[in-house]
Amino acid sequence: MPPAIPTSHVAAVRRFNRFYTRQIGVLNEGLLHSPFSLTEVRVLYELAHREQPTAAELGKALGLDAGYLSRILRGFKRRRLISRTSSAADRRRSHLSLTDAGREAFAALDARSGEEVAAMLGDLTDGEQSELLQSMQTIERLLGADVETKAANASYLLRPHQPGDMGWVVHRHGLLYAQEYGWDERFEAMVAGIVKTFIERYDPKRERCWMAEKDGEIVGSVFLVQHSKTVAQLRLLLVEPRARGLGIGARLVAECERFARQVGYRTITLWTNSILHAARRIYERYGFALVKEAPHRSFGKDLVGQTWELEL
């Protein structure tokens, strides 16, 4: 039986909760002086940072009751903030996305939130700001001790590719694989060829590149390209060393699977090498099966290439 928690400790935590919710305006009728409640803003945030999720995916991510979420989404629909499209793979499911009006509403909320936080921090000295941030990190570390909670609370976002990203992909693959595995510049040349082909032949209806950002910097990427009419190929999964352990790699693979199902692919295939243990664990977790492997000499090393497949 765990030891009893002193009532003074419980009271102190509750006092802090009341203080902080007042500080950030959670108890106001409209969060950030807007017509939206806290929960509605959370839903808008997820819609802005996910690519066409289903209502079930939103509910799971936010821990919301299905009926409550449905009412919020109906309200957004009436205000023309969201649109629904039927899934190509399953007509019973629909995917959600923000309309232009929805993106404008979220952008205004996001800007206002940044301004209010900046104003709050502006009343503190540099030393006080550092003390505050360190205390926040301590709270996150102590109350988010398990890996799943850390991953869920990690501050990162996924976005589509934009000009300049392909150079990052080539540079970071070349540098990291040289540092971590001793691969030579021929691997960087191979990556350059892959991204060149992707840009030149890009089909937005059937293909995607996701870039992961944390604290305003790119920390990961993945590509899903058309291999055939029924087979998609996952390529160039990468997560920066400083961002590993946050669930970003798994999230990138999950987005590939979700998109592949959405557009009607039946299989996802990928080629990797046996020494890339972290990536292989993610593939195994998502149900990929090893279907072929063969030794080869590439990038200045003796390697074992592997083909993995996921039946959708």
Protein backbone atom coordinates (compact mmCIF):
# COMPACT_ATOMS: atom_id res chain seq x y z
CA MET A 1 0.00 0.00 0.00
CA PRO A 2 1.56 3.36 -1.01
CA PRO A 3 2.22 5.85 1.79
CA ALA A 4 -0.46 8.46 2.46
CA ILE A 5 0.16 11.81 0.81
CA PRO A 6 0.11 14.72 3.32
CA THR A 7 -2.97 16.90 2.87
CA SER A 8 -0.71 19.96 2.78
CA HIS A 9 0.99 18.57 -0.35
CA VAL A 10 -2.34 17.95 -2.04
CA ALA A 11 -3.50 21.46 -1.14
CA ALA A 12 -0.29 22.99 -2.51
CA VAL A 13 -0.69 21.24 -5.88
CA ARG A 14 -4.34 22.27 -6.12
CA ARG A 15 -3.39 25.86 -5.25
CA PHE A 16 -0.78 25.87 -8.01
CA ASN A 17 -3.30 24.46 -10.50
CA ARG A 18 -5.80 27.24 -9.66
CA PHE A 19 -3.08 29.88 -9.96
CA TYR A 20 -1.75 28.65 -13.29
CA THR A 21 -5.13 28.17 -14.95
CA ARG A 22 -5.99 31.76 -14.01
CA GLN A 23 -2.58 32.91 -15.29
CA ILE A 24 -3.07 31.46 -18.78
CA GLY A 25 -6.77 32.25 -18.98
CA VAL A 26 -8.10 28.69 -19.10
CA LEU A 27 -11.10 29.60 -16.94
CA ASN A 28 -12.16 32.47 -19.17
CA GLU A 29 -15.29 31.87 -21.22
CA GLY A 30 -13.31 32.35 -24.43
CA LEU A 31 -9.66 31.29 -24.42
CA LEU A 32 -7.23 33.97 -25.66
CA HIS A 33 -10.12 36.47 -25.93
CA SER A 34 -11.64 34.30 -28.66
CA PRO A 35 -15.02 32.60 -29.12
CA PHE A 36 -13.34 29.20 -28.56
CA SER A 37 -13.16 27.16 -25.36
CA LEU A 38 -9.95 25.46 -24.22
CA THR A 39 -11.06 22.11 -25.64
CA GLU A 40 -12.04 23.68 -28.97
CA VAL A 41 -8.60 25.30 -29.22
CA ARG A 42 -6.98 21.93 -28.52
CA VAL A 43 -9.00 20.38 -31.35
CA LEU A 44 -8.04 23.20 -33.71
CA TYR A 45 -4.39 22.73 -32.77
CA GLU A 46 -4.49 19.01 -33.62
CA LEU A 47 -6.25 19.70 -36.92
CA ALA A 48 -3.59 22.28 -37.79
CA HIS A 49 -0.73 19.90 -37.02
CA ARG A 50 -2.08 16.63 -38.41
CA GLU A 51 -2.68 15.75 -42.03
CA GLN A 52 -6.38 14.90 -42.48
CA PRO A 53 -6.97 12.88 -39.28
CA THR A 54 -10.18 10.99 -38.62
CA ALA A 55 -12.44 11.92 -35.71
CA ALA A 56 -11.38 8.70 -33.98
CA GLU A 57 -7.71 9.68 -34.25
CA LEU A 58 -8.46 13.13 -32.80
CA GLY A 59 -10.43 11.64 -29.92
CA LYS A 60 -7.62 9.23 -29.08
CA ALA A 61 -4.94 11.93 -29.25
CA LEU A 62 -6.89 14.32 -27.01
CA GLY A 63 -8.57 11.80 -24.71
CA LEU A 64 -12.01 13.17 -25.57
CA ASP A 65 -15.40 11.46 -25.36
CA ALA A 66 -16.63 10.64 -28.86
CA GLY A 67 -19.98 12.38 -28.33
CA TYR A 68 -18.37 15.54 -26.95
CA LEU A 69 -15.88 15.67 -29.83
CA SER A 70 -18.68 15.11 -32.34
CA ARG A 71 -20.55 18.15 -31.00
CA ILE A 72 -17.41 20.29 -31.30
CA LEU A 73 -16.83 19.15 -34.88
CA ARG A 74 -20.45 19.84 -35.83
CA GLY A 75 -20.02 23.36 -34.47
CA PHE A 76 -16.82 23.81 -36.50
CA LYS A 77 -18.66 22.56 -39.59
CA ARG A 78 -21.48 25.08 -39.11
CA ARG A 79 -18.89 27.85 -38.84
CA ARG A 80 -17.16 26.53 -41.98
CA LEU A 81 -13.90 25.95 -40.14
CA ILE A 82 -13.47 22.32 -41.23
CA SER A 83 -14.18 20.10 -44.21
CA ARG A 84 -14.68 16.35 -44.46
CA THR A 85 -13.53 14.01 -47.25
CA SER A 86 -14.40 10.34 -47.54
CA SER A 87 -11.55 7.86 -47.26
CA ALA A 88 -10.61 6.25 -50.56
CA ALA A 89 -9.92 3.01 -48.71
CA ASP A 90 -13.08 2.95 -46.55
CA ARG A 91 -16.09 5.10 -47.46
CA ARG A 92 -17.43 4.71 -43.91
CA ARG A 93 -14.55 6.84 -42.62
CA SER A 94 -13.99 10.51 -43.29
CA HIS A 95 -10.90 12.66 -42.93
CA LEU A 96 -10.93 16.14 -41.43
CA SER A 97 -9.00 19.22 -42.42
CA LEU A 98 -9.15 22.94 -41.74
CA THR A 99 -10.68 25.18 -44.38
CA ASP A 100 -9.07 28.51 -45.25
CA ALA A 101 -11.30 30.09 -42.60
CA GLY A 102 -10.21 27.45 -40.10
CA ARG A 103 -6.54 28.03 -40.80
CA GLU A 104 -7.03 31.77 -40.42
CA ALA A 105 -8.81 31.26 -37.08
CA PHE A 106 -6.04 29.00 -35.80
CA ALA A 107 -3.28 31.32 -37.03
CA ALA A 108 -4.86 34.21 -35.11
CA LEU A 109 -5.11 32.09 -31.95
CA ASP A 110 -1.54 30.85 -32.33
CA ALA A 111 -0.20 34.39 -32.78
CA ARG A 112 -2.22 35.68 -29.81
CA SER A 113 -0.97 32.83 -27.61
CA GLY A 114 2.63 33.64 -28.50
CA GLU A 115 2.07 37.32 -27.77
CA GLU A 116 0.53 36.61 -24.35
CA VAL A 117 3.34 34.25 -23.34
CA ALA A 118 5.93 36.78 -24.52
CA ALA A 119 4.17 39.49 -22.49
CA MET A 120 4.16 37.26 -19.40
CA LEU A 121 7.86 36.50 -19.78
CA GLY A 122 8.59 40.15 -20.51
CA ASP A 123 7.79 41.03 -16.90
CA LEU A 124 10.65 38.79 -15.72
CA THR A 125 14.38 39.31 -15.79
CA ASP A 126 16.58 36.96 -17.82
CA GLY A 127 17.50 35.10 -14.64
CA GLU A 128 13.85 34.75 -13.62
CA GLN A 129 12.94 33.46 -17.07
CA SER A 130 15.64 30.79 -16.81
CA GLU A 131 14.42 29.81 -13.34
CA LEU A 132 10.84 29.55 -14.61
CA LEU A 133 11.78 27.42 -17.61
CA GLN A 134 13.90 25.11 -15.48
CA SER A 135 11.01 24.67 -13.06
CA MET A 136 8.65 23.84 -15.94
CA GLN A 137 11.11 21.25 -17.23
CA THR A 138 11.29 19.73 -13.75
CA ILE A 139 7.49 19.42 -13.60
CA GLU A 140 7.40 17.79 -17.05
CA ARG A 141 10.17 15.38 -16.09
CA LEU A 142 8.61 14.33 -12.77
CA LEU A 143 4.99 14.06 -13.90
CA GLY A 144 5.72 12.62 -17.34
CA ALA A 145 8.05 9.86 -16.28
CA ASP A 146 6.94 7.14 -18.71
CA VAL A 147 8.04 7.07 -22.34
CA GLU A 148 4.54 7.25 -23.80
CA THR A 149 3.68 10.38 -21.81
CA LYS A 150 6.94 12.03 -22.81
CA ALA A 151 6.26 11.24 -26.45
CA ALA A 152 2.70 12.55 -26.25
CA ASN A 153 3.81 15.79 -24.61
CA ALA A 154 6.89 16.35 -26.76
CA SER A 155 6.75 19.71 -28.48
CA TYR A 156 7.21 18.85 -32.14
CA LEU A 157 5.12 19.12 -35.27
CA LEU A 158 4.98 17.47 -38.66
CA ARG A 159 4.57 19.49 -41.84
CA PRO A 160 4.78 18.98 -45.62
CA HIS A 161 8.07 19.64 -47.38
CA GLN A 162 8.94 23.12 -48.62
CA PRO A 163 11.82 24.73 -50.56
CA GLY A 164 15.14 24.10 -48.84
CA ASP A 165 14.09 20.86 -47.11
CA MET A 166 15.62 18.53 -49.69
CA GLY A 167 19.04 20.04 -49.11
CA TRP A 168 18.64 19.35 -45.39
CA VAL A 169 17.64 15.74 -46.06
CA VAL A 170 20.71 15.09 -48.22
CA HIS A 171 23.11 16.91 -45.88
CA ARG A 172 21.92 15.28 -42.64
CA HIS A 173 21.75 11.77 -44.12
CA GLY A 174 25.27 12.11 -45.49
CA LEU A 175 26.71 13.51 -42.26
CA LEU A 176 24.89 11.33 -39.71
CA TYR A 177 25.46 8.04 -41.52
CA ALA A 178 29.15 8.90 -41.89
CA GLN A 179 29.41 9.70 -38.17
CA GLU A 180 27.33 6.78 -36.87
CA TYR A 181 28.12 4.00 -39.35
CA GLY A 182 31.19 5.14 -41.27
CA TRP A 183 29.40 5.19 -44.64
CA ASP A 184 31.16 7.15 -47.36
CA GLU A 185 29.93 9.89 -49.71
CA ARG A 186 28.33 7.38 -52.07
CA PHE A 187 25.44 7.08 -49.62
CA GLU A 188 24.94 10.85 -49.73
CA ALA A 189 24.93 10.63 -53.53
CA MET A 190 22.24 7.93 -53.40
CA VAL A 191 20.08 10.09 -51.11
CA ALA A 192 20.51 13.04 -53.46
CA GLY A 193 19.26 10.89 -56.33
CA ILE A 194 16.20 9.79 -54.35
CA VAL A 195 15.14 13.32 -53.43
CA LYS A 196 15.84 14.58 -56.98
CA THR A 197 13.49 11.94 -58.37
CA PHE A 198 10.89 12.72 -55.71
CA ILE A 199 10.79 16.42 -56.59
CA GLU A 200 10.81 15.87 -60.35
CA ARG A 201 8.04 13.24 -60.29
CA TYR A 202 6.10 14.30 -57.21
CA ASP A 203 2.42 13.28 -57.28
CA PRO A 204 0.67 15.04 -54.35
CA LYS A 205 -2.34 12.74 -54.63
CA ARG A 206 -0.25 9.61 -54.09
CA GLU A 207 2.98 10.72 -52.41
CA ARG A 208 4.14 12.63 -49.36
CA CYS A 209 7.18 13.94 -47.55
CA TRP A 210 6.83 14.81 -43.87
CA MET A 211 9.31 17.03 -42.06
CA ALA A 212 9.43 17.01 -38.25
CA GLU A 213 10.24 20.24 -36.45
CA LYS A 214 11.08 20.85 -32.80
CA ASP A 215 11.72 24.30 -31.33
CA GLY A 216 11.70 25.76 -34.85
CA GLU A 217 14.38 23.40 -36.21
CA ILE A 218 14.05 20.37 -38.48
CA VAL A 219 14.71 17.15 -36.57
CA GLY A 220 13.39 14.42 -38.86
CA SER A 221 11.94 13.37 -42.19
CA VAL A 222 10.34 10.53 -44.09
CA PHE A 223 9.06 9.96 -47.64
CA LEU A 224 6.23 7.81 -48.96
CA VAL A 225 6.39 7.37 -52.75
CA GLN A 226 4.47 5.38 -55.31
CA HIS A 227 6.14 2.07 -56.15
CA SER A 228 3.17 0.79 -58.15
CA LYS A 229 -0.58 1.39 -58.22
CA THR A 230 -1.07 -0.79 -55.15
CA VAL A 231 2.35 -0.55 -53.43
CA ALA A 232 3.84 2.46 -51.65
CA GLN A 233 7.50 2.70 -50.67
CA LEU A 234 8.69 4.23 -47.40
CA ARG A 235 12.05 5.96 -47.82
CA LEU A 236 14.67 8.00 -45.96
CA LEU A 237 13.33 7.81 -42.40
CA LEU A 238 15.64 9.94 -40.25
CA VAL A 239 15.49 11.46 -36.76
CA GLU A 240 18.21 13.73 -35.38
CA PRO A 241 20.12 12.27 -32.40
CA ARG A 242 18.97 15.08 -30.07
CA ALA A 243 15.31 14.33 -30.88
CA ARG A 244 15.41 10.55 -30.51
CA GLY A 245 13.31 8.97 -27.77
CA LEU A 246 10.40 11.38 -28.28
CA GLY A 247 8.38 9.08 -30.53
CA ILE A 248 9.07 11.11 -33.68
CA GLY A 249 10.27 8.15 -35.75
CA ALA A 250 7.20 6.12 -34.83
CA ARG A 251 4.94 9.08 -35.60
CA LEU A 252 6.52 9.51 -39.05
CA VAL A 253 5.95 5.83 -39.85
CA ALA A 254 2.37 6.08 -38.54
CA GLU A 255 1.69 9.01 -40.88
CA CYS A 256 2.99 6.97 -43.80
CA GLU A 257 0.67 4.09 -42.91
CA ARG A 258 -2.33 6.39 -42.43
CA PHE A 259 -1.79 8.16 -45.75
CA ALA A 260 -1.20 4.88 -47.62
CA ARG A 261 -4.51 3.52 -46.34
CA GLN A 262 -6.27 6.78 -47.14
CA VAL A 263 -5.29 6.77 -50.82
CA GLY A 264 -5.88 3.06 -51.32
CA TYR A 265 -2.46 1.40 -51.35
CA ARG A 266 -2.52 -2.27 -50.33
CA THR A 267 1.11 -2.66 -49.28
CA ILE A 268 3.97 -0.54 -47.97
CA THR A 269 7.46 -1.76 -48.81
CA LEU A 270 10.84 -0.47 -47.65
CA TRP A 271 14.50 -1.32 -48.02
CA THR A 272 16.91 -0.94 -45.12
CA ASN A 273 20.05 -2.50 -43.68
CA SER A 274 20.31 -4.88 -40.75
CA ILE A 275 22.54 -2.57 -38.70
CA LEU A 276 19.84 0.13 -38.46
CA HIS A 277 18.40 -1.40 -35.30
CA ALA A 278 16.28 1.52 -34.08
CA ALA A 279 14.46 1.86 -37.40
CA ARG A 280 13.89 -1.89 -37.58
CA ARG A 281 12.26 -1.88 -34.13
CA ILE A 282 9.81 0.77 -35.31
CA TYR A 283 8.96 -1.22 -38.44
CA GLU A 284 8.40 -4.37 -36.39
CA ARG A 285 6.15 -2.47 -33.98
CA TYR A 286 3.93 -1.36 -36.85
CA GLY A 287 3.60 -4.88 -38.23
CA PHE A 288 6.15 -4.84 -41.04
CA ALA A 289 7.48 -8.30 -41.90
CA LEU A 290 10.97 -9.11 -43.19
CA VAL A 291 10.49 -10.71 -46.62
CA LYS A 292 13.99 -10.73 -48.09
CA GLU A 293 17.60 -10.05 -47.16
CA ALA A 294 20.92 -10.30 -48.95
CA PRO A 295 24.52 -9.24 -48.30
CA HIS A 296 25.98 -6.42 -50.36
CA ARG A 297 28.98 -4.11 -50.48
CA SER A 298 27.88 -0.46 -50.48
CA PHE A 299 29.05 2.90 -49.15
CA GLY A 300 32.45 1.41 -48.28
CA LYS A 301 31.00 -1.27 -45.95
CA ASP A 302 29.87 -4.89 -46.02
CA LEU A 303 26.16 -4.77 -45.24
CA VAL A 304 23.03 -6.92 -45.18
CA GLY A 305 20.17 -5.33 -47.08
CA GLN A 306 16.62 -6.12 -46.01
CA THR A 307 13.21 -5.69 -47.62
CA TRP A 308 10.27 -5.27 -45.25
CA GLU A 309 6.57 -5.14 -46.14
CA LEU A 310 3.35 -4.15 -44.42
CA GLU A 311 0.04 -5.48 -45.76
CA LEU A 312 -2.70 -2.87 -45.31
